[in-house]
Every structure is written in structure tokens, then in C-alpha cells.
Amino acid sequence: MSEAAFDPVSFLERAVRTPSHESVDETRELVVEALERFGVECEVVAGGCVLAEKRSDTPDDGPHLVLNTHLDTVTPHVPLERGEARADERPDCSSDDAPEAVIRGRGACDAKGPLAALLSGFLAADPQRGRLTLALTPDEESLSLGAAALTGRSPGTEDRLDGDLYLVGEPTGLDACTAAKGRFQGTVELSGTAAHAAEFAGANAVAAAEGALAAIRTFDADAGDHPQLGPPKLTPTVIEGGGATNQVPADCAITVDRRSVPPETAEGFRSSLADAVRGSTPDGVGVDVALTDRESPFFEAFSTDPDHELVATVASAARSAAESVGLPADRGGAARPFGAATEASYFAPAPTVVFGPGDLADEAGAVAHAEREYVRVREVAAAAEAVEGSISALLGDAGERES
């Protein structure tokens, strides 16, 4: 090929320079241009997803590995800046005294850094068995309609991916993340009977919230810890009720945030919470628990066996790549849970690993979605090398793998 090799760092600089908080059109064009420049055909489907595929000569003799991340970012756009790491960007990340280069700006780590690494690994790949798909989605930071359509989770759609293994790009500090809690949102509605506050009449929905909040507080009292994710968490976040200061209120609503662990589903949570609240409120108060309406399914919790080949492969490749670019031995390559809900939820129960350069947060505070969002240049290079190594190990010649 006459083209120079794909440079993930240069691509990342262009990607961060390109705003994608209101529209991903320009970023998607950037990706499509890169794929086509290296002779890879792609298609835009499912409301803006980018799909590209590489097949071996024996696609049925190996796994179907899917590389996924998202093109969009949260608001506001933060412009590109490249420079030497500041003091709050250095902790535990340099194995020598050489200056550490960083790329700053919206999307630097969430998730254009992981995008650059996955794209680099995909372009370098030459599967000897099985097949490889690159699946990039347009709206992970909002409703994930693209991913829901790609995976057949939206009404009237079919699973277009049907992968055996999934590698999802997010900022993990080069660790192989094997699980994440789900995230549901719902409302507990209490319905009483209005009356004059001077009379001993009516059914006070606001007063009934005391029992409802107690049920929420004790909801997980008997829940065991998930081996990777620990305990689930239920948090009341907003409460509204009443309309007049001299009236027994007929209505009260409590919004709750749920961070789930397997095997809990969104509907299972809703039903169980409704039963718990009904058991803690007066008979004269009606209880209705509903999940917040949204056009795509909530992210449910997922977990992959830490001993699975995919986990071991990605972790090993990450350790090797981190060493090759001079990162310290404890940077990258661990198997651990991920700290946020992601579209990886839609790929379960297929074995799934979340992986990429950068951090959700560091010792100085928030990184992803924050004004100080950044990623270290050496980590981007290491992540690209690790993705390439993982693909080679998983889709390489069977004889070479066994040796």
C-alpha cells in the first residue's frame, strides 16, 4: 500500500478538533475518509452508525470480533490543545523524567482516544480466521438509538452485529474492564386524596413519602455483593408534591436512580420496588412505579468472566504495549470493573471487554466530561498497539495460536 501507516495520534488531534456534541456528521466523515483512504469499504446505517468489516478466508472457523465505540461527546465543545503534561496530569504515568505529552479537549479520552486506537487496530488487522467488524455509534452520550437498532433492541430492528466477542472503547487507563453496573431511572408516584388541612380528612401523599423513602432506603438490605461489581445502589434524587400550603396533598412523586448488578433487569427492578413501596405506605394511598420513558432500553448491568480468553488476551496485550512505550508496570493490563454505564450493556451476554486510553477521573478529579479532559499521547499509542495485538491473537492462524 502506498499510503503511509495510519497514525492514531494524528487522527486523534483531528478528531478532537472536530466538534461532535451537537452533530457527529463531521466526525463520522473523518472516520469514513480514513477507512476509504486505506481501501476499506464501509456503510452508514441505523441512524448514523458506521459499519466496516474484514473477513478472513475462513470466516466460520474463528470468532466474530466486534470493535465498538461512539462518535459523540457531551457539551460543551472544548478545543484541542497539545502540550507537555501539567502537574495534575502526571501522577504515576511516566517511568522516566522525559516530558509527558498530552492531548486536551472534549473527547480526548471519551471517546475519541479509544476511537483512534480501535480504528488503528482495525486498519492494521489481517484476520487469518473468523471476521472483524468495526461498529461506531452516533449517540451513546444521549439515547443510544444507534446501538439499540444495531443490536435489535429497538422495535422493528434485527441484530446486525451478532458478534461472538466485543471490545468496547472507553477510557479505562488501559485496563481490561469486564463488568459495569446498569443504570435505570424511575418515578415512584403516590396518590392520595386532597382535603382541607384543618380537617382530619383526606389521604396525605406527601406524608406517605416517609414510608416510601424507608422502602427505598432498605430496598437492598438483603442484596448480596456481585463478585465484580459489589452491591447495587438505589438513590432518591428528586421529590415533588403538594400545591397549596393549606391543603392535604393528593400527589407526591419521588425520582430514583438505580445502579444495578446482574442478573437484575429494568422490569424486575421496577416490579420489586413497587412491591416494596406498597408494603410501606398506608392503604389509602395509591402507588405506581414506572421507569422513565425513553426511546431505547436502559443500560443494564453486564459482566464477563474475568478468566475468559478475551479478557486475558486484551490484558496481556495492554501490558506488553504499555511496556513498549515506557509506561510504568502498574499502568494498564489489570482486569477490573468499569466505573460507568456504557453501550457494552447491549452486547451482553456475549463476552465483552471495555478498554481504552485515558481515565474517567484521576487523583486530581474528573477527567472525562470535564473542562480538563485529556489523554496521554503514549497511552493512545499503547492502546492502538494493544488493540492490534488483541485482534492478531484472537483472529490469527490457529496453528500459530497453539504454538
Protein backbone atom coordinates (compact mmCIF):
# COMPACT_ATOMS: atom_id res chain seq x y z
CA MET A 1 0.00 0.00 0.00
CA SER A 2 1.35 3.38 -0.96
CA GLU A 3 -0.36 5.13 1.91
CA ALA A 4 1.69 5.84 4.99
CA ALA A 5 0.68 3.83 8.04
CA PHE A 6 -2.31 5.13 9.96
CA ASP A 7 -1.22 7.39 12.84
CA PRO A 8 -3.71 7.19 15.74
CA VAL A 9 -2.28 10.27 17.47
CA SER A 10 -2.59 12.49 14.39
CA PHE A 11 -6.10 11.16 13.83
CA LEU A 12 -6.99 11.91 17.45
CA GLU A 13 -5.82 15.51 17.10
CA ARG A 14 -8.07 15.96 14.09
CA ALA A 15 -10.96 14.25 15.85
CA VAL A 16 -10.71 16.40 19.00
CA ARG A 17 -10.52 19.48 16.82
CA THR A 18 -13.84 18.44 15.27
CA PRO A 19 -16.88 19.25 17.45
CA SER A 20 -19.32 16.36 17.89
CA HIS A 21 -21.52 17.46 20.78
CA GLU A 22 -24.47 18.59 18.65
CA SER A 23 -23.86 16.61 15.46
CA VAL A 24 -21.45 13.77 14.70
CA ASP A 25 -21.58 14.36 10.95
CA GLU A 26 -18.07 15.83 10.66
CA THR A 27 -16.50 13.22 12.92
CA ARG A 28 -18.25 10.43 11.03
CA GLU A 29 -16.92 11.89 7.75
CA LEU A 30 -13.44 11.90 9.28
CA VAL A 31 -13.73 8.19 10.08
CA VAL A 32 -15.23 7.26 6.72
CA GLU A 33 -12.46 9.19 4.96
CA ALA A 34 -9.80 7.28 6.92
CA LEU A 35 -11.38 3.91 6.14
CA GLU A 36 -11.74 4.66 2.46
CA ARG A 37 -8.18 6.02 2.25
CA PHE A 38 -6.95 2.60 3.33
CA GLY A 39 -9.21 0.75 0.94
CA VAL A 40 -11.88 -0.34 3.43
CA GLU A 41 -15.49 -0.14 2.34
CA CYS A 42 -17.98 0.99 4.98
CA GLU A 43 -21.65 1.85 5.25
CA VAL A 44 -23.66 4.26 7.35
CA VAL A 45 -26.71 2.56 8.83
CA ALA A 46 -29.16 2.63 11.74
CA GLY A 47 -29.47 6.37 12.13
CA GLY A 48 -25.81 7.16 11.67
CA CYS A 49 -23.78 4.13 12.75
CA VAL A 50 -20.64 3.32 10.77
CA LEU A 51 -20.07 -0.35 9.91
CA ALA A 52 -16.96 -1.84 8.29
CA GLU A 53 -15.87 -5.44 8.09
CA LYS A 54 -12.80 -7.56 7.39
CA ARG A 55 -13.30 -11.26 6.69
CA SER A 56 -10.71 -13.99 6.66
CA ASP A 57 -10.76 -16.70 4.00
CA THR A 58 -12.34 -18.94 6.65
CA PRO A 59 -14.87 -16.68 8.42
CA ASP A 60 -16.68 -19.59 10.03
CA ASP A 61 -13.53 -21.13 11.52
CA GLY A 62 -13.00 -18.39 14.09
CA PRO A 63 -14.90 -15.90 16.22
CA HIS A 64 -16.64 -12.76 15.05
CA LEU A 65 -14.91 -9.94 16.94
CA VAL A 66 -16.70 -6.57 17.08
CA LEU A 67 -14.90 -3.32 17.88
CA ASN A 68 -17.28 -0.65 19.12
CA THR A 69 -17.16 2.90 20.45
CA HIS A 70 -19.10 6.13 19.98
CA LEU A 71 -18.61 9.24 17.87
CA ASP A 72 -20.48 11.77 20.01
CA THR A 73 -19.33 13.80 23.01
CA VAL A 74 -21.08 15.73 25.74
CA THR A 75 -21.42 19.52 25.73
CA PRO A 76 -19.73 21.93 25.59
CA HIS A 77 -17.04 21.58 22.97
CA VAL A 78 -13.54 22.11 24.43
CA PRO A 79 -10.96 22.94 21.73
CA LEU A 80 -7.84 20.92 21.00
CA GLU A 81 -4.65 21.67 22.87
CA ARG A 82 -1.48 19.60 22.75
CA GLY A 83 1.39 20.19 25.12
CA GLU A 84 3.50 18.98 27.98
CA ALA A 85 1.62 17.44 30.88
CA ARG A 86 0.83 19.75 33.76
CA ALA A 87 1.42 18.66 37.35
CA ASP A 88 -2.16 17.40 37.75
CA GLU A 89 -1.81 15.28 34.61
CA ARG A 90 1.37 13.44 35.62
CA PRO A 91 0.63 11.09 38.58
CA ASP A 92 2.10 7.62 38.19
CA CYS A 93 2.26 7.85 34.43
CA SER A 94 5.88 8.36 33.47
CA SER A 95 8.61 5.81 34.03
CA ASP A 96 11.35 8.35 33.35
CA ASP A 97 11.97 12.07 33.60
CA ALA A 98 11.15 12.80 29.96
CA PRO A 99 8.35 15.33 29.31
CA GLU A 100 4.94 13.66 29.02
CA ALA A 101 2.90 14.89 26.03
CA VAL A 102 -0.86 15.15 26.39
CA ILE A 103 -3.79 15.97 24.15
CA ARG A 104 -6.53 18.04 25.77
CA GLY A 105 -10.04 18.82 24.62
CA ARG A 106 -13.54 17.43 24.52
CA GLY A 107 -13.46 13.80 23.51
CA ALA A 108 -9.72 13.40 24.10
CA CYS A 109 -10.45 10.40 26.31
CA ASP A 110 -14.23 9.95 25.97
CA ALA A 111 -14.18 8.52 23.49
CA LYS A 112 -12.07 9.81 20.60
CA GLY A 113 -8.87 8.42 22.15
CA PRO A 114 -10.40 4.94 22.23
CA LEU A 115 -11.82 5.56 18.75
CA ALA A 116 -8.34 6.31 17.39
CA ALA A 117 -6.99 3.12 18.98
CA LEU A 118 -9.78 0.89 17.65
CA LEU A 119 -9.58 2.41 14.18
CA SER A 120 -5.82 1.90 14.15
CA GLY A 121 -6.14 -1.74 15.19
CA PHE A 122 -8.90 -2.38 12.65
CA LEU A 123 -6.94 -0.87 9.75
CA ALA A 124 -3.84 -2.88 10.65
CA ALA A 125 -5.74 -6.15 11.02
CA ASP A 126 -5.43 -9.06 8.60
CA PRO A 127 -7.69 -11.77 10.06
CA GLN A 128 -6.47 -15.31 9.35
CA ARG A 129 -9.69 -16.83 10.65
CA GLY A 130 -13.09 -15.53 11.69
CA ARG A 131 -14.08 -11.97 10.95
CA LEU A 132 -13.73 -8.48 12.35
CA THR A 133 -16.35 -5.70 12.45
CA LEU A 134 -15.91 -2.05 13.31
CA ALA A 135 -19.21 -0.64 14.64
CA LEU A 136 -19.27 3.04 15.59
CA THR A 137 -22.39 4.58 17.10
CA PRO A 138 -23.58 8.21 17.00
CA ASP A 139 -25.40 8.86 20.27
CA GLU A 140 -24.02 6.93 23.24
CA GLU A 141 -23.98 10.08 25.38
CA SER A 142 -27.74 10.56 24.91
CA LEU A 143 -30.19 7.80 23.96
CA SER A 144 -28.05 5.17 22.21
CA LEU A 145 -30.65 4.77 19.48
CA GLY A 146 -27.94 3.72 17.04
CA ALA A 147 -26.62 0.91 19.21
CA ALA A 148 -30.13 -0.22 20.11
CA ALA A 149 -31.01 -0.50 16.41
CA LEU A 150 -27.75 -2.27 15.55
CA THR A 151 -28.32 -4.90 18.21
CA GLY A 152 -32.02 -5.48 17.55
CA ARG A 153 -33.12 -3.96 20.83
CA SER A 154 -35.35 -1.34 19.23
CA PRO A 155 -38.80 -2.37 17.94
CA GLY A 156 -38.74 -3.48 14.33
CA THR A 157 -34.96 -3.97 14.19
CA GLU A 158 -32.70 -7.01 13.96
CA ASP A 159 -29.27 -7.71 15.40
CA ARG A 160 -26.92 -6.64 12.63
CA LEU A 161 -23.79 -7.43 14.62
CA ASP A 162 -24.32 -10.91 16.06
CA GLY A 163 -20.81 -10.88 17.45
CA ASP A 164 -19.11 -13.59 19.44
CA LEU A 165 -16.74 -11.19 21.22
CA TYR A 166 -16.92 -7.42 21.78
CA LEU A 167 -14.19 -4.88 22.51
CA VAL A 168 -15.74 -1.56 23.52
CA GLY A 169 -13.69 1.64 23.51
CA GLU A 170 -13.91 3.79 26.63
CA PRO A 171 -11.28 5.41 28.89
CA THR A 172 -10.09 2.61 31.20
CA GLY A 173 -6.45 3.55 31.81
CA LEU A 174 -5.51 0.60 29.55
CA ASP A 175 -7.19 -1.89 31.89
CA ALA A 176 -9.42 -4.67 30.57
CA CYS A 177 -12.78 -3.88 32.17
CA THR A 178 -15.03 -6.89 32.47
CA ALA A 179 -18.23 -5.54 34.02
CA ALA A 180 -20.28 -2.43 34.68
CA LYS A 181 -23.34 -1.60 36.69
CA GLY A 182 -26.56 -0.80 34.88
CA ARG A 183 -28.35 2.49 35.20
CA PHE A 184 -32.14 2.84 35.43
CA GLN A 185 -34.28 5.85 36.29
CA GLY A 186 -37.80 5.65 37.59
CA THR A 187 -40.52 7.51 39.44
CA VAL A 188 -42.49 6.44 42.49
CA GLU A 189 -45.90 8.14 42.30
CA LEU A 190 -48.03 8.33 45.44
CA SER A 191 -51.73 9.18 45.03
CA GLY A 192 -53.81 10.29 48.00
CA THR A 193 -56.96 12.36 48.48
CA ALA A 194 -56.95 16.15 48.79
CA ALA A 195 -58.66 17.79 51.77
CA HIS A 196 -58.57 20.99 53.81
CA ALA A 197 -55.52 20.90 56.05
CA ALA A 198 -57.67 21.90 59.05
CA GLU A 199 -59.71 18.71 58.83
CA PHE A 200 -58.79 15.15 59.77
CA ALA A 201 -59.67 14.02 56.28
CA GLY A 202 -58.07 13.04 53.01
CA ALA A 203 -55.03 10.87 52.43
CA ASN A 204 -51.73 12.73 52.58
CA ALA A 205 -49.45 11.66 49.72
CA VAL A 206 -46.52 13.74 50.99
CA ALA A 207 -46.74 12.15 54.44
CA ALA A 208 -46.83 8.73 52.75
CA ALA A 209 -43.46 9.56 51.23
CA GLU A 210 -41.94 8.80 54.63
CA GLY A 211 -42.79 5.11 54.20
CA ALA A 212 -41.81 5.14 50.54
CA LEU A 213 -38.39 6.62 51.33
CA ALA A 214 -37.91 4.00 54.05
CA ALA A 215 -38.65 1.28 51.50
CA ILE A 216 -36.14 2.83 49.12
CA ARG A 217 -33.53 3.08 51.88
CA THR A 218 -33.88 -0.59 52.86
CA PHE A 219 -34.55 -1.95 49.36
CA ASP A 220 -31.15 -3.65 49.11
CA ALA A 221 -30.87 -4.73 52.73
CA ASP A 222 -30.78 -8.40 51.76
CA ALA A 223 -28.89 -8.00 48.49
CA GLY A 224 -25.58 -9.78 48.18
CA ASP A 225 -22.49 -8.32 46.57
CA HIS A 226 -21.79 -9.13 42.95
CA PRO A 227 -18.30 -10.70 42.72
CA GLN A 228 -17.06 -7.98 40.34
CA LEU A 229 -19.38 -5.02 40.91
CA GLY A 230 -20.18 -5.16 44.59
CA PRO A 231 -23.65 -4.13 45.84
CA PRO A 232 -26.39 -2.43 43.84
CA LYS A 233 -27.34 1.14 44.76
CA LEU A 234 -30.70 2.90 44.88
CA THR A 235 -30.81 6.67 45.40
CA PRO A 236 -33.81 9.01 45.68
CA THR A 237 -32.82 12.12 43.72
CA VAL A 238 -35.89 14.35 43.34
CA ILE A 239 -39.12 14.68 45.34
CA GLU A 240 -42.14 16.77 44.39
CA GLY A 241 -45.55 17.06 45.99
CA GLY A 242 -48.31 19.34 47.12
CA GLY A 243 -49.62 22.56 45.63
CA ALA A 244 -51.18 24.66 48.37
CA THR A 245 -49.91 25.34 51.86
CA ASN A 246 -53.33 24.75 53.45
CA GLN A 247 -54.31 21.58 51.60
CA VAL A 248 -53.68 17.91 52.28
CA PRO A 249 -51.66 16.98 49.19
CA ALA A 250 -53.08 14.35 46.89
CA ASP A 251 -49.92 13.68 44.92
CA CYS A 252 -46.23 13.12 45.53
CA ALA A 253 -43.54 11.84 43.18
CA ILE A 254 -40.06 10.56 44.02
CA THR A 255 -37.47 10.12 41.27
CA VAL A 256 -34.94 7.35 41.86
CA ASP A 257 -31.60 6.46 40.31
CA ARG A 258 -30.75 2.77 40.20
CA ARG A 259 -27.27 1.31 39.70
CA SER A 260 -27.91 -2.38 39.14
CA VAL A 261 -25.83 -5.54 39.15
CA PRO A 262 -26.54 -8.82 37.30
CA PRO A 263 -28.95 -10.50 37.00
CA GLU A 264 -31.36 -7.64 37.74
CA THR A 265 -33.32 -6.32 34.76
CA ALA A 266 -35.04 -2.98 34.41
CA GLU A 267 -38.52 -4.53 34.62
CA GLY A 268 -37.52 -6.78 37.51
CA PHE A 269 -36.30 -3.74 39.43
CA ARG A 270 -39.47 -1.77 38.73
CA SER A 271 -41.74 -4.58 39.87
CA SER A 272 -39.75 -5.30 43.04
CA LEU A 273 -39.61 -1.64 44.03
CA ALA A 274 -43.36 -1.26 43.53
CA ASP A 275 -43.99 -4.19 45.87
CA ALA A 276 -41.63 -2.78 48.49
CA VAL A 277 -43.19 0.70 48.44
CA ARG A 278 -46.75 -0.65 48.59
CA GLY A 279 -45.80 -2.60 51.69
CA SER A 280 -44.60 0.59 53.39
CA THR A 281 -47.40 3.05 52.60
CA PRO A 282 -50.93 3.45 54.02
CA ASP A 283 -53.78 1.58 52.37
CA GLY A 284 -55.46 4.83 51.34
CA VAL A 285 -52.51 5.90 49.19
CA GLY A 286 -52.06 4.51 45.72
CA VAL A 287 -48.61 3.51 44.50
CA ASP A 288 -47.36 3.41 40.94
CA VAL A 289 -43.73 2.82 39.99
CA ALA A 290 -42.73 3.48 36.40
CA LEU A 291 -39.44 3.57 34.54
CA THR A 292 -38.72 6.87 32.85
CA ASP A 293 -39.86 6.80 29.25
CA ARG A 294 -37.04 6.63 26.73
CA GLU A 295 -36.80 5.55 23.11
CA SER A 296 -34.09 2.96 23.75
CA PRO A 297 -33.60 0.38 26.51
CA PHE A 298 -31.82 1.39 29.69
CA PHE A 299 -28.26 0.17 30.11
CA GLU A 300 -28.49 -3.00 32.17
CA ALA A 301 -25.53 -4.38 34.11
CA PHE A 302 -23.17 -6.74 32.34
CA SER A 303 -20.33 -8.96 33.43
CA THR A 304 -17.82 -11.15 31.63
CA ASP A 305 -15.93 -13.96 33.34
CA PRO A 306 -12.51 -12.48 34.26
CA ASP A 307 -10.96 -15.79 33.20
CA HIS A 308 -12.37 -15.61 29.66
CA GLU A 309 -9.87 -15.71 26.79
CA LEU A 310 -10.95 -12.25 25.61
CA VAL A 311 -10.08 -10.71 28.98
CA ALA A 312 -6.73 -12.46 29.22
CA THR A 313 -5.86 -11.52 25.64
CA VAL A 314 -6.65 -7.81 25.99
CA ALA A 315 -4.98 -7.54 29.40
CA SER A 316 -1.81 -9.24 28.17
CA ALA A 317 -1.67 -7.09 25.03
CA ALA A 318 -2.16 -3.96 27.13
CA ARG A 319 0.68 -4.84 29.49
CA SER A 320 3.01 -5.52 26.58
CA ALA A 321 2.05 -2.31 24.81
CA ALA A 322 2.38 -0.20 27.95
CA GLU A 323 5.88 -1.56 28.49
CA SER A 324 6.84 -0.91 24.86
CA VAL A 325 6.00 2.81 25.11
CA GLY A 326 7.66 3.23 28.51
CA LEU A 327 4.68 3.36 30.84
CA PRO A 328 5.18 2.03 34.37
CA ALA A 329 4.48 -1.63 35.07
CA ASP A 330 1.32 -0.89 37.06
CA ARG A 331 -0.27 1.22 34.33
CA GLY A 332 -2.70 -0.89 32.32
CA GLY A 333 -3.39 -4.58 31.93
CA ALA A 334 -5.49 -5.17 35.04
CA ALA A 335 -8.88 -6.88 34.85
CA ARG A 336 -11.47 -4.86 36.75
CA PRO A 337 -14.99 -3.40 36.50
CA PHE A 338 -15.69 -0.18 34.59
CA GLY A 339 -16.97 2.81 36.52
CA ALA A 340 -19.78 3.96 34.22
CA ALA A 341 -22.67 2.52 32.24
CA THR A 342 -21.94 2.03 28.52
CA GLU A 343 -23.34 0.56 25.33
CA ALA A 344 -21.44 -2.61 26.28
CA SER A 345 -24.70 -3.41 28.06
CA TYR A 346 -26.38 -4.04 24.69
CA PHE A 347 -23.81 -6.67 23.69
CA ALA A 348 -24.27 -8.90 26.74
CA PRO A 349 -24.36 -11.78 27.35
CA ALA A 350 -21.64 -12.16 24.70
CA PRO A 351 -18.17 -11.82 26.28
CA THR A 352 -17.38 -8.10 26.34
CA VAL A 353 -14.36 -6.08 27.45
CA VAL A 354 -14.27 -2.29 27.80
CA PHE A 355 -10.83 -0.86 27.01
CA GLY A 356 -9.03 2.31 26.03
CA PRO A 357 -6.57 5.07 26.89
CA GLY A 358 -7.30 7.79 29.42
CA ASP A 359 -9.30 7.91 32.63
CA LEU A 360 -12.80 8.79 33.74
CA ALA A 361 -11.14 10.51 36.70
CA ASP A 362 -7.67 10.80 38.20
CA GLU A 363 -6.18 11.84 41.52
CA ALA A 364 -6.92 15.50 40.77
CA GLY A 365 -10.59 14.96 39.92
CA ALA A 366 -12.88 14.39 36.96
CA VAL A 367 -11.31 13.97 33.51
CA ALA A 368 -13.96 12.66 31.11
CA HIS A 369 -16.79 15.15 30.52
CA ALA A 370 -14.76 17.77 32.41
CA GLU A 371 -13.09 21.01 31.35
CA ARG A 372 -9.70 19.37 31.99
CA GLU A 373 -10.35 16.35 29.74
CA TYR A 374 -7.07 14.99 28.44
CA VAL A 375 -5.26 11.82 27.37
CA ARG A 376 -1.55 11.00 27.35
CA VAL A 377 -0.06 10.58 23.90
CA ARG A 378 1.89 7.47 24.89
CA GLU A 379 -1.32 5.84 26.12
CA VAL A 380 -3.02 6.39 22.78
CA ALA A 381 -0.10 4.71 21.04
CA ALA A 382 -0.13 1.87 23.59
CA ALA A 383 -3.90 1.38 23.22
CA ALA A 384 -3.60 1.17 19.43
CA GLU A 385 -0.81 -1.40 19.77
CA ALA A 386 -2.85 -3.38 22.30
CA VAL A 387 -5.92 -3.46 20.05
CA GLU A 388 -3.81 -4.63 17.12
CA GLY A 389 -2.19 -7.31 19.28
CA SER A 390 -5.54 -8.49 20.62
CA ILE A 391 -7.02 -8.82 17.14
CA SER A 392 -3.97 -10.75 15.96
CA ALA A 393 -4.16 -13.12 18.92
CA LEU A 394 -7.90 -13.74 18.62
CA LEU A 395 -8.17 -13.94 14.83
CA GLY A 396 -4.70 -15.22 13.97
CA ASP A 397 -3.82 -18.57 12.47
CA ALA A 398 -4.96 -21.38 14.79
CA GLY A 399 -1.62 -23.19 14.48
CA GLU A 400 0.33 -20.10 15.45
CA ARG A 401 -2.02 -19.53 18.39
CA GLU A 402 -1.50 -23.05 19.72
CA SER A 403 2.28 -22.78 19.42
